[in-house]
Amino acid sequence: MDLDDQDNRLTAWWLDIAPSRQEELLAVPQPPLPWLDESITTAGLDPEDVRRFIDEKRSELDPTRDAGLNPKPE
């Protein structure tokens, strides 16, 4: 399977998940997710690819050290 196709399938899977479940997936530590294995299987995805995808999503949310600071007025 081509990498772009895999990324598209992972993104479609992610967007199909309820926002509350997305939050559960991004939580550290993750709570028990009994629905996750079935969701991955139903979507025809590789669990390892899903784990990497979630890790990438989680890292996108890590704030930088200057996050939230307003620029100084001139």
Protein backbone atom coordinates (compact mmCIF):
# COMPACT_ATOMS: atom_id res chain seq x y z
CA MET A 1 0.00 0.00 0.00
CA ASP A 2 1.33 3.40 -0.90
CA LEU A 3 2.22 5.79 1.93
CA ASP A 4 -0.21 8.53 0.84
CA ASP A 5 -3.05 6.01 0.71
CA GLN A 6 -2.18 4.80 4.22
CA ASP A 7 -2.08 8.40 5.51
CA ASN A 8 -5.46 9.09 3.90
CA ARG A 9 -6.98 5.97 5.49
CA LEU A 10 -5.58 6.89 8.91
CA THR A 11 -6.87 10.45 8.61
CA ALA A 12 -10.32 9.24 7.52
CA TRP A 13 -10.37 6.82 10.48
CA TRP A 14 -9.38 9.63 12.86
CA LEU A 15 -12.05 12.00 11.55
CA ASP A 16 -14.69 9.28 11.89
CA ILE A 17 -13.98 8.90 15.61
CA ALA A 18 -16.06 10.90 18.08
CA PRO A 19 -14.18 13.88 19.57
CA SER A 20 -14.45 12.40 23.07
CA ARG A 21 -12.75 9.23 21.85
CA GLN A 22 -10.05 11.27 20.12
CA GLU A 23 -9.35 12.89 23.49
CA GLU A 24 -9.12 9.45 25.10
CA LEU A 25 -6.60 8.37 22.46
CA LEU A 26 -4.45 11.44 23.05
CA ALA A 27 -4.54 11.16 26.84
CA VAL A 28 -1.35 10.20 28.67
CA PRO A 29 -1.67 7.66 30.12
CA GLN A 30 -4.41 6.27 27.92
CA PRO A 31 -7.49 4.99 29.71
CA PRO A 32 -8.76 1.51 28.81
CA LEU A 33 -10.04 1.63 25.23
CA PRO A 34 -12.12 -1.52 24.65
CA TRP A 35 -13.47 -0.13 21.37
CA LEU A 36 -10.08 0.58 19.78
CA ASP A 37 -9.14 -2.89 18.51
CA GLU A 38 -12.52 -3.34 16.83
CA SER A 39 -12.30 0.13 15.29
CA ILE A 40 -8.84 -0.57 13.86
CA THR A 41 -9.92 -3.97 12.50
CA THR A 42 -13.10 -2.56 10.96
CA ALA A 43 -11.09 0.16 9.21
CA GLY A 44 -8.57 -2.41 7.95
CA LEU A 45 -5.63 -0.60 9.54
CA ASP A 46 -2.40 -1.89 11.05
CA PRO A 47 -2.34 -1.33 14.84
CA GLU A 48 1.31 -0.23 14.67
CA ASP A 49 0.46 2.41 12.04
CA VAL A 50 -2.36 3.65 14.26
CA ARG A 51 -0.02 3.86 17.27
CA ARG A 52 2.47 5.97 15.25
CA PHE A 53 -0.37 8.16 13.94
CA ILE A 54 -1.64 8.79 17.48
CA ASP A 55 1.90 9.55 18.70
CA GLU A 56 2.26 12.11 15.88
CA LYS A 57 -1.09 13.68 16.79
CA ARG A 58 -0.03 13.86 20.42
CA SER A 59 3.27 15.55 19.52
CA GLU A 60 1.42 18.12 17.40
CA LEU A 61 -0.37 19.19 20.59
CA ASP A 62 2.80 19.64 22.66
CA PRO A 63 3.09 23.37 23.27
CA THR A 64 6.32 25.14 22.54
CA ARG A 65 8.00 26.98 25.41
CA ASP A 66 6.62 30.31 24.18
CA ALA A 67 3.09 29.08 23.51
CA GLY A 68 0.43 31.46 24.71
CA LEU A 69 2.71 34.44 25.06
CA ASN A 70 1.56 37.62 23.44
CA PRO A 71 4.03 39.55 21.34
CA LYS A 72 5.42 42.59 23.05
CA PRO A 73 3.89 45.85 21.88
CA GLU A 74 6.29 48.05 19.97
